[in-house]
Amino acid sequence: MIILLISACRATYCFAVAENTLTIWQNPTNLSKYQLAWNTLNKSREDIYYQVTATSLMSDIIYPTYYRPEFAQVKCWSVQYLNQNAERQTASRKYSYGLTAQSQQNEV
C-alpha cells in the first residue's frame, strides 16, 4: 500500500493506494472463461448478432464462392451459429452482409 500526502491550497489531502500486481493475464482462473471458444459458439440457432459501423465502411476480404476471395466494403453484417455439436464443442457460423455500391461496381 502506498500512502500519498499532498498539501495544496492550505489543505492536506491523504490518499491510500493499493497496487494490484495481478493482471488478468496472470489469473488463469479468471481468464479461462474468455479462452473457451465453446462459450461463444454455444448459442441458440435463433440468436442472430448484428454489427454496424457508424462512421466508416469496413473493408475486408469476403468469399462469395469457394476459393474466390473478393475485396468488399461492408456497412452492416450479422452472424448466426449453426450446426452446434455439444459433445465435440464445435459449430458453424453463417455471416450475412450488405455490400456497398462501391463493392458491387464490377458485378453485372
PDB file of N, CA and C in Angstrom:
ATOM      1  N   MET A   1       0.850  -1.167   0.000  1.00  0.00           N
ATOM      2  CA  MET A   1       0.000   0.000   0.000  1.00  0.00           C
ATOM      3  C   MET A   1       0.893   1.226   0.000  1.00  0.00           C
ATOM      4  N   ILE A   2       0.499   2.186  -0.804  1.00  0.00           N
ATOM      5  CA  ILE A   2       1.233   3.439  -0.907  1.00  0.00           C
ATOM      6  C   ILE A   2       0.370   4.545  -0.317  1.00  0.00           C
ATOM      7  N   ILE A   3       0.959   5.339   0.577  1.00  0.00           N
ATOM      8  CA  ILE A   3       0.234   6.470   1.167  1.00  0.00           C
ATOM      9  C   ILE A   3       0.838   7.740   0.602  1.00  0.00           C
ATOM     10  N   LEU A   4      -0.015   8.580   0.065  1.00  0.00           N
ATOM     11  CA  LEU A   4       0.423   9.800  -0.587  1.00  0.00           C
ATOM     12  C   LEU A   4      -0.193  10.991   0.126  1.00  0.00           C
ATOM     13  N   LEU A   5       0.653  11.902   0.589  1.00  0.00           N
ATOM     14  CA  LEU A   5       0.185  13.136   1.232  1.00  0.00           C
ATOM     15  C   LEU A   5       0.449  14.298   0.287  1.00  0.00           C
ATOM     16  N   ILE A   6      -0.569  15.076   0.021  1.00  0.00           N
ATOM     17  CA  ILE A   6      -0.438  16.237  -0.852  1.00  0.00           C
ATOM     18  C   ILE A   6      -0.936  17.459  -0.098  1.00  0.00           C
ATOM     19  N   SER A   7      -0.125  18.497  -0.114  1.00  0.00           N
ATOM     20  CA  SER A   7      -0.519  19.751   0.519  1.00  0.00           C
ATOM     21  C   SER A   7      -0.691  20.785  -0.578  1.00  0.00           C
ATOM     22  N   ALA A   8      -1.905  21.289  -0.698  1.00  0.00           N
ATOM     23  CA  ALA A   8      -2.191  22.295  -1.726  1.00  0.00           C
ATOM     24  C   ALA A   8      -3.289  23.202  -1.219  1.00  0.00           C
ATOM     25  N   CYS A   9      -3.194  24.455  -1.546  1.00  0.00           N
ATOM     26  CA  CYS A   9      -4.217  25.443  -1.156  1.00  0.00           C
ATOM     27  C   CYS A   9      -4.493  25.416   0.341  1.00  0.00           C
ATOM     28  N   ARG A  10      -3.438  25.335   1.137  1.00  0.00           N
ATOM     29  CA  ARG A  10      -3.526  25.344   2.604  1.00  0.00           C
ATOM     30  C   ARG A  10      -4.336  24.181   3.169  1.00  0.00           C
ATOM     31  N   ALA A  11      -4.419  23.107   2.416  1.00  0.00           N
ATOM     32  CA  ALA A  11      -5.116  21.909   2.908  1.00  0.00           C
ATOM     33  C   ALA A  11      -4.241  20.702   2.588  1.00  0.00           C
ATOM     34  N   THR A  12      -4.345  19.706   3.428  1.00  0.00           N
ATOM     35  CA  THR A  12      -3.580  18.483   3.224  1.00  0.00           C
ATOM     36  C   THR A  12      -4.538  17.368   2.837  1.00  0.00           C
ATOM     37  N   TYR A  13      -4.188  16.677   1.782  1.00  0.00           N
ATOM     38  CA  TYR A  13      -5.007  15.562   1.292  1.00  0.00           C
ATOM     39  C   TYR A  13      -4.204  14.279   1.441  1.00  0.00           C
ATOM     40  N   CYS A  14      -4.866  13.245   1.882  1.00  0.00           N
ATOM     41  CA  CYS A  14      -4.213  11.956   2.086  1.00  0.00           C
ATOM     42  C   CYS A  14      -4.899  10.915   1.197  1.00  0.00           C
ATOM     43  N   PHE A  15      -4.108  10.213   0.416  1.00  0.00           N
ATOM     44  CA  PHE A  15      -4.632   9.162  -0.451  1.00  0.00           C
ATOM     45  C   PHE A  15      -3.928   7.859  -0.121  1.00  0.00           C
ATOM     46  N   ALA A  16      -4.669   6.795  -0.039  1.00  0.00           N
ATOM     47  CA  ALA A  16      -4.094   5.462   0.136  1.00  0.00           C
ATOM     48  C   ALA A  16      -4.367   4.683  -1.146  1.00  0.00           C
ATOM     49  N   VAL A  17      -3.314   4.157  -1.715  1.00  0.00           N
ATOM     50  CA  VAL A  17      -3.429   3.448  -2.985  1.00  0.00           C
ATOM     51  C   VAL A  17      -2.896   2.042  -2.805  1.00  0.00           C
ATOM     52  N   ALA A  18      -3.700   1.071  -3.185  1.00  0.00           N
ATOM     53  CA  ALA A  18      -3.251  -0.320  -3.157  1.00  0.00           C
ATOM     54  C   ALA A  18      -2.895  -0.720  -4.579  1.00  0.00           C
ATOM     55  N   GLU A  19      -1.740  -1.303  -4.739  1.00  0.00           N
ATOM     56  CA  GLU A  19      -1.293  -1.703  -6.065  1.00  0.00           C
ATOM     57  C   GLU A  19      -1.717  -3.142  -6.333  1.00  0.00           C
ATOM     58  N   ASN A  20      -2.407  -3.353  -7.443  1.00  0.00           N
ATOM     59  CA  ASN A  20      -2.824  -4.696  -7.837  1.00  0.00           C
ATOM     60  C   ASN A  20      -1.768  -5.252  -8.780  1.00  0.00           C
ATOM     61  N   THR A  21      -1.014  -6.221  -8.303  1.00  0.00           N
ATOM     62  CA  THR A  21       0.056  -6.788  -9.117  1.00  0.00           C
ATOM     63  C   THR A  21      -0.427  -7.923 -10.001  1.00  0.00           C
ATOM     64  N   LEU A  22      -1.663  -8.382  -9.802  1.00  0.00           N
ATOM     65  CA  LEU A  22      -2.193  -9.470 -10.625  1.00  0.00           C
ATOM     66  C   LEU A  22      -2.989  -8.894 -11.795  1.00  0.00           C
ATOM     67  N   THR A  23      -2.457  -9.027 -12.986  1.00  0.00           N
ATOM     68  CA  THR A  23      -3.217  -8.621 -14.160  1.00  0.00           C
ATOM     69  C   THR A  23      -4.095  -9.791 -14.579  1.00  0.00           C
ATOM     70  N   ILE A  24      -5.010  -9.545 -15.516  1.00  0.00           N
ATOM     71  CA  ILE A  24      -5.894 -10.620 -15.971  1.00  0.00           C
ATOM     72  C   ILE A  24      -5.087 -11.769 -16.578  1.00  0.00           C
ATOM     73  N   TRP A  25      -3.937 -11.450 -17.183  1.00  0.00           N
ATOM     74  CA  TRP A  25      -3.127 -12.493 -17.817  1.00  0.00           C
ATOM     75  C   TRP A  25      -2.465 -13.401 -16.787  1.00  0.00           C
ATOM     76  N   GLN A  26      -2.323 -12.930 -15.567  1.00  0.00           N
ATOM     77  CA  GLN A  26      -1.701 -13.732 -14.524  1.00  0.00           C
ATOM     78  C   GLN A  26      -2.727 -14.481 -13.688  1.00  0.00           C
ATOM     79  N   ASN A  27      -3.983 -14.408 -14.068  1.00  0.00           N
ATOM     80  CA  ASN A  27      -5.042 -15.078 -13.322  1.00  0.00           C
ATOM     81  C   ASN A  27      -5.758 -16.059 -14.251  1.00  0.00           C
ATOM     82  N   PRO A  28      -5.201 -17.274 -14.437  1.00  0.00           N
ATOM     83  CA  PRO A  28      -5.765 -18.213 -15.399  1.00  0.00           C
ATOM     84  C   PRO A  28      -7.205 -18.614 -15.092  1.00  0.00           C
ATOM     85  N   THR A  29      -7.589 -18.625 -13.830  1.00  0.00           N
ATOM     86  CA  THR A  29      -8.962 -18.996 -13.487  1.00  0.00           C
ATOM     87  C   THR A  29      -9.940 -17.968 -14.031  1.00  0.00           C
ATOM     88  N   ASN A  30      -9.624 -16.709 -13.872  1.00  0.00           N
ATOM     89  CA  ASN A  30     -10.477 -15.633 -14.367  1.00  0.00           C
ATOM     90  C   ASN A  30     -10.435 -15.539 -15.888  1.00  0.00           C
ATOM     91  N   LEU A  31      -9.277 -15.778 -16.470  1.00  0.00           N
ATOM     92  CA  LEU A  31      -9.092 -15.646 -17.909  1.00  0.00           C
ATOM     93  C   LEU A  31      -9.709 -16.800 -18.688  1.00  0.00           C
ATOM     94  N   SER A  32      -9.818 -17.954 -18.100  1.00  0.00           N
ATOM     95  CA  SER A  32     -10.273 -19.142 -18.829  1.00  0.00           C
ATOM     96  C   SER A  32     -11.655 -18.980 -19.439  1.00  0.00           C
ATOM     97  N   LYS A  33     -12.530 -18.211 -18.808  1.00  0.00           N
ATOM     98  CA  LYS A  33     -13.871 -18.046 -19.368  1.00  0.00           C
ATOM     99  C   LYS A  33     -13.833 -17.313 -20.701  1.00  0.00           C
ATOM    100  N   TYR A  34     -12.779 -16.548 -20.968  1.00  0.00           N
ATOM    101  CA  TYR A  34     -12.643 -15.847 -22.240  1.00  0.00           C
ATOM    102  C   TYR A  34     -11.916 -16.692 -23.285  1.00  0.00           C
ATOM    103  N   GLN A  35     -11.241 -17.747 -22.857  1.00  0.00           N
ATOM    104  CA  GLN A  35     -10.452 -18.560 -23.769  1.00  0.00           C
ATOM    105  C   GLN A  35     -11.212 -19.762 -24.310  1.00  0.00           C
ATOM    106  N   LEU A  36     -12.342 -20.092 -23.764  1.00  0.00           N
ATOM    107  CA  LEU A  36     -13.090 -21.255 -24.216  1.00  0.00           C
ATOM    108  C   LEU A  36     -14.006 -20.860 -25.362  1.00  0.00           C
ATOM    109  N   ALA A  37     -13.671 -21.310 -26.564  1.00  0.00           N
ATOM    110  CA  ALA A  37     -14.462 -20.947 -27.743  1.00  0.00           C
ATOM    111  C   ALA A  37     -15.898 -21.438 -27.627  1.00  0.00           C
ATOM    112  N   TRP A  38     -16.106 -22.562 -26.950  1.00  0.00           N
ATOM    113  CA  TRP A  38     -17.461 -23.111 -26.849  1.00  0.00           C
ATOM    114  C   TRP A  38     -18.400 -22.148 -26.123  1.00  0.00           C
ATOM    115  N   ASN A  39     -17.885 -21.328 -25.221  1.00  0.00           N
ATOM    116  CA  ASN A  39     -18.730 -20.333 -24.549  1.00  0.00           C
ATOM    117  C   ASN A  39     -19.335 -19.366 -25.559  1.00  0.00           C
ATOM    118  N   THR A  40     -18.615 -19.088 -26.626  1.00  0.00           N
ATOM    119  CA  THR A  40     -19.129 -18.215 -27.677  1.00  0.00           C
ATOM    120  C   THR A  40     -20.009 -18.977 -28.649  1.00  0.00           C
ATOM    121  N   LEU A  41     -19.621 -20.183 -29.009  1.00  0.00           N
ATOM    122  CA  LEU A  41     -20.343 -20.954 -30.021  1.00  0.00           C
ATOM    123  C   LEU A  41     -21.643 -21.552 -29.515  1.00  0.00           C
ATOM    124  N   ASN A  42     -21.770 -21.752 -28.222  1.00  0.00           N
ATOM    125  CA  ASN A  42     -22.948 -22.416 -27.665  1.00  0.00           C
ATOM    126  C   ASN A  42     -24.096 -21.414 -27.524  1.00  0.00           C
ATOM    127  N   LYS A  43     -24.633 -20.986 -28.646  1.00  0.00           N
ATOM    128  CA  LYS A  43     -25.740 -20.028 -28.682  1.00  0.00           C
ATOM    129  C   LYS A  43     -26.925 -20.658 -29.396  1.00  0.00           C
ATOM    130  N   SER A  44     -28.089 -20.133 -29.145  1.00  0.00           N
ATOM    131  CA  SER A  44     -29.296 -20.617 -29.803  1.00  0.00           C
ATOM    132  C   SER A  44     -29.236 -20.318 -31.295  1.00  0.00           C
ATOM    133  N   ARG A  45     -29.779 -21.220 -32.092  1.00  0.00           N
ATOM    134  CA  ARG A  45     -29.830 -21.021 -33.538  1.00  0.00           C
ATOM    135  C   ARG A  45     -30.676 -19.797 -33.890  1.00  0.00           C
ATOM    136  N   GLU A  46     -31.623 -19.462 -33.033  1.00  0.00           N
ATOM    137  CA  GLU A  46     -32.496 -18.314 -33.281  1.00  0.00           C
ATOM    138  C   GLU A  46     -31.811 -16.978 -32.988  1.00  0.00           C
ATOM    139  N   ASP A  47     -30.710 -17.014 -32.244  1.00  0.00           N
ATOM    140  CA  ASP A  47     -29.994 -15.776 -31.923  1.00  0.00           C
ATOM    141  C   ASP A  47     -29.171 -15.328 -33.124  1.00  0.00           C
ATOM    142  N   ILE A  48     -29.380 -14.108 -33.549  1.00  0.00           N
ATOM    143  CA  ILE A  48     -28.594 -13.518 -34.628  1.00  0.00           C
ATOM    144  C   ILE A  48     -27.961 -12.249 -34.077  1.00  0.00           C
ATOM    145  N   TYR A  49     -26.665 -12.112 -34.261  1.00  0.00           N
ATOM    146  CA  TYR A  49     -25.932 -10.969 -33.747  1.00  0.00           C
ATOM    147  C   TYR A  49     -25.613 -10.026 -34.903  1.00  0.00           C
ATOM    148  N   TYR A  50     -25.844  -8.727 -34.690  1.00  0.00           N
ATOM    149  CA  TYR A  50     -25.631  -7.717 -35.720  1.00  0.00           C
ATOM    150  C   TYR A  50     -24.529  -6.768 -35.302  1.00  0.00           C
ATOM    151  N   GLN A  51     -23.784  -6.290 -36.287  1.00  0.00           N
ATOM    152  CA  GLN A  51     -22.790  -5.261 -36.029  1.00  0.00           C
ATOM    153  C   GLN A  51     -22.885  -4.238 -37.155  1.00  0.00           C
ATOM    154  N   VAL A  52     -22.844  -2.986 -36.785  1.00  0.00           N
ATOM    155  CA  VAL A  52     -22.966  -1.895 -37.748  1.00  0.00           C
ATOM    156  C   VAL A  52     -21.818  -0.930 -37.514  1.00  0.00           C
ATOM    157  N   THR A  53     -21.196  -0.480 -38.589  1.00  0.00           N
ATOM    158  CA  THR A  53     -20.185   0.566 -38.453  1.00  0.00           C
ATOM    159  C   THR A  53     -20.865   1.897 -38.706  1.00  0.00           C
ATOM    160  N   ALA A  54     -20.705   2.819 -37.807  1.00  0.00           N
ATOM    161  CA  ALA A  54     -21.434   4.085 -37.887  1.00  0.00           C
ATOM    162  C   ALA A  54     -20.647   5.176 -38.605  1.00  0.00           C
ATOM    163  N   THR A  55     -19.340   5.148 -38.511  1.00  0.00           N
ATOM    164  CA  THR A  55     -18.569   6.275 -39.034  1.00  0.00           C
ATOM    165  C   THR A  55     -17.883   5.988 -40.359  1.00  0.00           C
ATOM    166  N   SER A  56     -17.538   4.757 -40.625  1.00  0.00           N
ATOM    167  CA  SER A  56     -16.854   4.451 -41.881  1.00  0.00           C
ATOM    168  C   SER A  56     -17.154   3.019 -42.289  1.00  0.00           C
ATOM    169  N   LEU A  57     -16.916   2.728 -43.545  1.00  0.00           N
ATOM    170  CA  LEU A  57     -17.133   1.374 -44.043  1.00  0.00           C
ATOM    171  C   LEU A  57     -16.018   0.462 -43.564  1.00  0.00           C
ATOM    172  N   MET A  58     -16.332  -0.796 -43.395  1.00  0.00           N
ATOM    173  CA  MET A  58     -15.318  -1.776 -43.038  1.00  0.00           C
ATOM    174  C   MET A  58     -14.862  -2.462 -44.317  1.00  0.00           C
ATOM    175  N   SER A  59     -13.581  -2.437 -44.580  1.00  0.00           N
ATOM    176  CA  SER A  59     -13.023  -3.089 -45.760  1.00  0.00           C
ATOM    177  C   SER A  59     -12.513  -4.455 -45.358  1.00  0.00           C
ATOM    178  N   ASP A  60     -12.886  -5.467 -46.123  1.00  0.00           N
ATOM    179  CA  ASP A  60     -12.500  -6.824 -45.771  1.00  0.00           C
ATOM    180  C   ASP A  60     -12.501  -7.698 -47.015  1.00  0.00           C
ATOM    181  N   ILE A  61     -11.925  -8.866 -46.885  1.00  0.00           N
ATOM    182  CA  ILE A  61     -11.957  -9.868 -47.943  1.00  0.00           C
ATOM    183  C   ILE A  61     -13.111 -10.813 -47.633  1.00  0.00           C
ATOM    184  N   ILE A  62     -13.976 -11.037 -48.617  1.00  0.00           N
ATOM    185  CA  ILE A  62     -15.082 -11.975 -48.444  1.00  0.00           C
ATOM    186  C   ILE A  62     -14.925 -13.108 -49.449  1.00  0.00           C
ATOM    187  N   TYR A  63     -15.610 -14.199 -49.201  1.00  0.00           N
ATOM    188  CA  TYR A  63     -15.557 -15.361 -50.081  1.00  0.00           C
ATOM    189  C   TYR A  63     -16.967 -15.692 -50.558  1.00  0.00           C
ATOM    190  N   PRO A  64     -17.455 -15.012 -51.601  1.00  0.00           N
ATOM    191  CA  PRO A  64     -18.802 -15.308 -52.087  1.00  0.00           C
ATOM    192  C   PRO A  64     -18.898 -16.705 -52.684  1.00  0.00           C
ATOM    193  N   THR A  65     -17.812 -17.201 -53.239  1.00  0.00           N
ATOM    194  CA  THR A  65     -17.740 -18.590 -53.702  1.00  0.00           C
ATOM    195  C   THR A  65     -16.425 -19.170 -53.202  1.00  0.00           C
ATOM    196  N   TYR A  66     -16.384 -20.467 -53.089  1.00  0.00           N
ATOM    197  CA  TYR A  66     -15.220 -21.162 -52.538  1.00  0.00           C
ATOM    198  C   TYR A  66     -13.966 -20.836 -53.345  1.00  0.00           C
ATOM    199  N   TYR A  67     -12.895 -20.476 -52.687  1.00  0.00           N
ATOM    200  CA  TYR A  67     -11.594 -20.153 -53.288  1.00  0.00           C
ATOM    201  C   TYR A  67     -11.623 -18.931 -54.201  1.00  0.00           C
ATOM    202  N   ARG A  68     -12.601 -18.043 -54.060  1.00  0.00           N
ATOM    203  CA  ARG A  68     -12.659 -16.832 -54.877  1.00  0.00           C
ATOM    204  C   ARG A  68     -12.805 -15.612 -53.975  1.00  0.00           C
ATOM    205  N   PRO A  69     -11.726 -15.210 -53.323  1.00  0.00           N
ATOM    206  CA  PRO A  69     -11.826 -14.049 -52.430  1.00  0.00           C
ATOM    207  C   PRO A  69     -12.066 -12.765 -53.215  1.00  0.00           C
ATOM    208  N   GLU A  70     -12.837 -11.865 -52.618  1.00  0.00           N
ATOM    209  CA  GLU A  70     -13.099 -10.563 -53.216  1.00  0.00           C
ATOM    210  C   GLU A  70     -12.973  -9.492 -52.136  1.00  0.00           C
ATOM    211  N   PHE A  71     -12.467  -8.341 -52.536  1.00  0.00           N
ATOM    212  CA  PHE A  71     -12.409  -7.203 -51.635  1.00  0.00           C
ATOM    213  C   PHE A  71     -13.801  -6.586 -51.569  1.00  0.00           C
ATOM    214  N   ALA A  72     -14.255  -6.251 -50.375  1.00  0.00           N
ATOM    215  CA  ALA A  72     -15.591  -5.675 -50.215  1.00  0.00           C
ATOM    216  C   ALA A  72     -15.574  -4.607 -49.137  1.00  0.00           C
ATOM    217  N   GLN A  73     -16.506  -3.687 -49.257  1.00  0.00           N
ATOM    218  CA  GLN A  73     -16.721  -2.682 -48.222  1.00  0.00           C
ATOM    219  C   GLN A  73     -18.108  -2.922 -47.646  1.00  0.00           C
ATOM    220  N   VAL A  74     -18.159  -3.097 -46.344  1.00  0.00           N
ATOM    221  CA  VAL A  74     -19.389  -3.516 -45.678  1.00  0.00           C
ATOM    222  C   VAL A  74     -19.770  -2.482 -44.629  1.00  0.00           C
ATOM    223  N   LYS A  75     -21.047  -2.193 -44.514  1.00  0.00           N
ATOM    224  CA  LYS A  75     -21.554  -1.251 -43.513  1.00  0.00           C
ATOM    225  C   LYS A  75     -22.215  -1.997 -42.355  1.00  0.00           C
ATOM    226  N   CYS A  76     -22.804  -3.149 -42.643  1.00  0.00           N
ATOM    227  CA  CYS A  76     -23.565  -3.892 -41.638  1.00  0.00           C
ATOM    228  C   CYS A  76     -23.430  -5.380 -41.930  1.00  0.00           C
ATOM    229  N   TRP A  77     -23.308  -6.186 -40.908  1.00  0.00           N
ATOM    230  CA  TRP A  77     -23.266  -7.632 -41.093  1.00  0.00           C
ATOM    231  C   TRP A  77     -23.859  -8.317 -39.878  1.00  0.00           C
ATOM    232  N   SER A  78     -24.180  -9.588 -40.063  1.00  0.00           N
ATOM    233  CA  SER A  78     -24.734 -10.371 -38.958  1.00  0.00           C
ATOM    234  C   SER A  78     -24.066 -11.734 -38.949  1.00  0.00           C
ATOM    235  N   VAL A  79     -24.135 -12.391 -37.812  1.00  0.00           N
ATOM    236  CA  VAL A  79     -23.592 -13.740 -37.686  1.00  0.00           C
ATOM    237  C   VAL A  79     -24.598 -14.593 -36.928  1.00  0.00           C
ATOM    238  N   GLN A  80     -24.733 -15.829 -37.377  1.00  0.00           N
ATOM    239  CA  GLN A  80     -25.648 -16.789 -36.755  1.00  0.00           C
ATOM    240  C   GLN A  80     -24.883 -18.098 -36.588  1.00  0.00           C
ATOM    241  N   TYR A  81     -25.049 -18.749 -35.455  1.00  0.00           N
ATOM    242  CA  TYR A  81     -24.362 -20.008 -35.186  1.00  0.00           C
ATOM    243  C   TYR A  81     -25.260 -21.173 -35.569  1.00  0.00           C
ATOM    244  N   LEU A  82     -24.719 -22.110 -36.344  1.00  0.00           N
ATOM    245  CA  LEU A  82     -25.471 -23.264 -36.833  1.00  0.00           C
ATOM    246  C   LEU A  82     -24.689 -24.540 -36.544  1.00  0.00           C
ATOM    247  N   ASN A  83     -25.355 -25.662 -36.662  1.00  0.00           N
ATOM    248  CA  ASN A  83     -24.723 -26.989 -36.572  1.00  0.00           C
ATOM    249  C   ASN A  83     -23.890 -27.178 -35.303  1.00  0.00           C
ATOM    250  N   GLN A  84     -24.435 -26.753 -34.166  1.00  0.00           N
ATOM    251  CA  GLN A  84     -23.698 -26.930 -32.923  1.00  0.00           C
ATOM    252  C   GLN A  84     -23.631 -28.408 -32.545  1.00  0.00           C
ATOM    253  N   ASN A  85     -22.468 -28.819 -32.083  1.00  0.00           N
ATOM    254  CA  ASN A  85     -22.265 -30.175 -31.597  1.00  0.00           C
ATOM    255  C   ASN A  85     -21.672 -30.050 -30.195  1.00  0.00           C
ATOM    256  N   ALA A  86     -22.514 -30.214 -29.175  1.00  0.00           N
ATOM    257  CA  ALA A  86     -22.078 -30.011 -27.789  1.00  0.00           C
ATOM    258  C   ALA A  86     -21.011 -31.018 -27.378  1.00  0.00           C
ATOM    259  N   GLU A  87     -21.111 -32.238 -27.878  1.00  0.00           N
ATOM    260  CA  GLU A  87     -20.139 -33.263 -27.497  1.00  0.00           C
ATOM    261  C   GLU A  87     -18.738 -32.911 -28.008  1.00  0.00           C
ATOM    262  N   ARG A  88     -18.661 -32.455 -29.247  1.00  0.00           N
ATOM    263  CA  ARG A  88     -17.370 -32.087 -29.834  1.00  0.00           C
ATOM    264  C   ARG A  88     -17.039 -30.614 -29.617  1.00  0.00           C
ATOM    265  N   GLN A  89     -18.011 -29.859 -29.113  1.00  0.00           N
ATOM    266  CA  GLN A  89     -17.877 -28.419 -28.879  1.00  0.00           C
ATOM    267  C   GLN A  89     -17.449 -27.690 -30.154  1.00  0.00           C
ATOM    268  N   THR A  90     -18.228 -27.933 -31.218  1.00  0.00           N
ATOM    269  CA  THR A  90     -17.987 -27.274 -32.494  1.00  0.00           C
ATOM    270  C   THR A  90     -19.278 -26.642 -32.997  1.00  0.00           C
ATOM    271  N   ALA A  91     -19.150 -25.707 -33.909  1.00  0.00           N
ATOM    272  CA  ALA A  91     -20.311 -25.074 -34.535  1.00  0.00           C
ATOM    273  C   ALA A  91     -19.855 -24.387 -35.811  1.00  0.00           C
ATOM    274  N   SER A  92     -20.818 -24.065 -36.650  1.00  0.00           N
ATOM    275  CA  SER A  92     -20.554 -23.291 -37.864  1.00  0.00           C
ATOM    276  C   SER A  92     -21.114 -21.894 -37.664  1.00  0.00           C
ATOM    277  N   ARG A  93     -20.516 -20.942 -38.334  1.00  0.00           N
ATOM    278  CA  ARG A  93     -21.027 -19.576 -38.295  1.00  0.00           C
ATOM    279  C   ARG A  93     -21.469 -19.179 -39.698  1.00  0.00           C
ATOM    280  N   LYS A  94     -22.623 -18.560 -39.786  1.00  0.00           N
ATOM    281  CA  LYS A  94     -23.126 -18.059 -41.062  1.00  0.00           C
ATOM    282  C   LYS A  94     -23.113 -16.540 -40.996  1.00  0.00           C
ATOM    283  N   TYR A  95     -22.314 -15.934 -41.868  1.00  0.00           N
ATOM    284  CA  TYR A  95     -22.240 -14.477 -41.939  1.00  0.00           C
ATOM    285  C   TYR A  95     -23.124 -13.974 -43.074  1.00  0.00           C
ATOM    286  N   SER A  96     -23.839 -12.905 -42.823  1.00  0.00           N
ATOM    287  CA  SER A  96     -24.615 -12.224 -43.854  1.00  0.00           C
ATOM    288  C   SER A  96     -24.199 -10.763 -43.840  1.00  0.00           C
ATOM    289  N   TYR A  97     -24.135 -10.166 -45.007  1.00  0.00           N
ATOM    290  CA  TYR A  97     -23.685  -8.784 -45.072  1.00  0.00           C
ATOM    291  C   TYR A  97     -24.312  -8.100 -46.275  1.00  0.00           C
ATOM    292  N   GLY A  98     -24.365  -6.787 -46.206  1.00  0.00           N
ATOM    293  CA  GLY A  98     -24.833  -5.975 -47.322  1.00  0.00           C
ATOM    294  C   GLY A  98     -23.658  -5.241 -47.920  1.00  0.00           C
ATOM    295  N   LEU A  99     -23.428  -5.434 -49.215  1.00  0.00           N
ATOM    296  CA  LEU A  99     -22.317  -4.769 -49.878  1.00  0.00           C
ATOM    297  C   LEU A  99     -22.711  -3.358 -50.277  1.00  0.00           C
ATOM    298  N   THR A 100     -21.739  -2.487 -50.325  1.00  0.00           N
ATOM    299  CA  THR A 100     -21.991  -1.116 -50.761  1.00  0.00           C
ATOM    300  C   THR A 100     -21.975  -1.064 -52.286  1.00  0.00           C
ATOM    301  N   ALA A 101     -22.445   0.029 -52.852  1.00  0.00           N
ATOM    302  CA  ALA A 101     -22.426   0.198 -54.305  1.00  0.00           C
ATOM    303  C   ALA A 101     -20.990   0.142 -54.828  1.00  0.00           C
ATOM    304  N   GLN A 102     -20.048   0.668 -54.067  1.00  0.00           N
ATOM    305  CA  GLN A 102     -18.640   0.639 -54.470  1.00  0.00           C
ATOM    306  C   GLN A 102     -18.154  -0.795 -54.597  1.00  0.00           C
ATOM    307  N   SER A 103     -18.554  -1.673 -53.690  1.00  0.00           N
ATOM    308  CA  SER A 103     -18.128  -3.067 -53.728  1.00  0.00           C
ATOM    309  C   SER A 103     -18.732  -3.785 -54.920  1.00  0.00           C
ATOM    310  N   GLN A 104     -19.919  -3.388 -55.328  1.00  0.00           N
ATOM    311  CA  GLN A 104     -20.638  -4.094 -56.380  1.00  0.00           C
ATOM    312  C   GLN A 104     -20.433  -3.478 -57.759  1.00  0.00           C
ATOM    313  N   GLN A 105     -19.552  -2.502 -57.906  1.00  0.00           N
ATOM    314  CA  GLN A 105     -19.436  -1.806 -59.180  1.00  0.00           C
ATOM    315  C   GLN A 105     -18.979  -2.713 -60.315  1.00  0.00           C
ATOM    316  N   ASN A 106     -18.232  -3.760 -60.035  1.00  0.00           N
ATOM    317  CA  ASN A 106     -17.749  -4.655 -61.081  1.00  0.00           C
ATOM    318  C   ASN A 106     -18.674  -5.844 -61.311  1.00  0.00           C
ATOM    319  N   GLU A 107     -19.787  -5.894 -60.609  1.00  0.00           N
ATOM    320  CA  GLU A 107     -20.723  -7.001 -60.778  1.00  0.00           C
ATOM    321  C   GLU A 107     -21.777  -6.638 -61.807  1.00  0.00           C
ATOM    322  N   VAL A 108     -22.286  -7.640 -62.501  1.00  0.00           N
ATOM    323  CA  VAL A 108     -23.340  -7.420 -63.501  1.00  0.00           C
ATOM    324  C   VAL A 108     -24.689  -7.511 -62.840  1.00  0.00           C
TER     325      VAL A 108
END
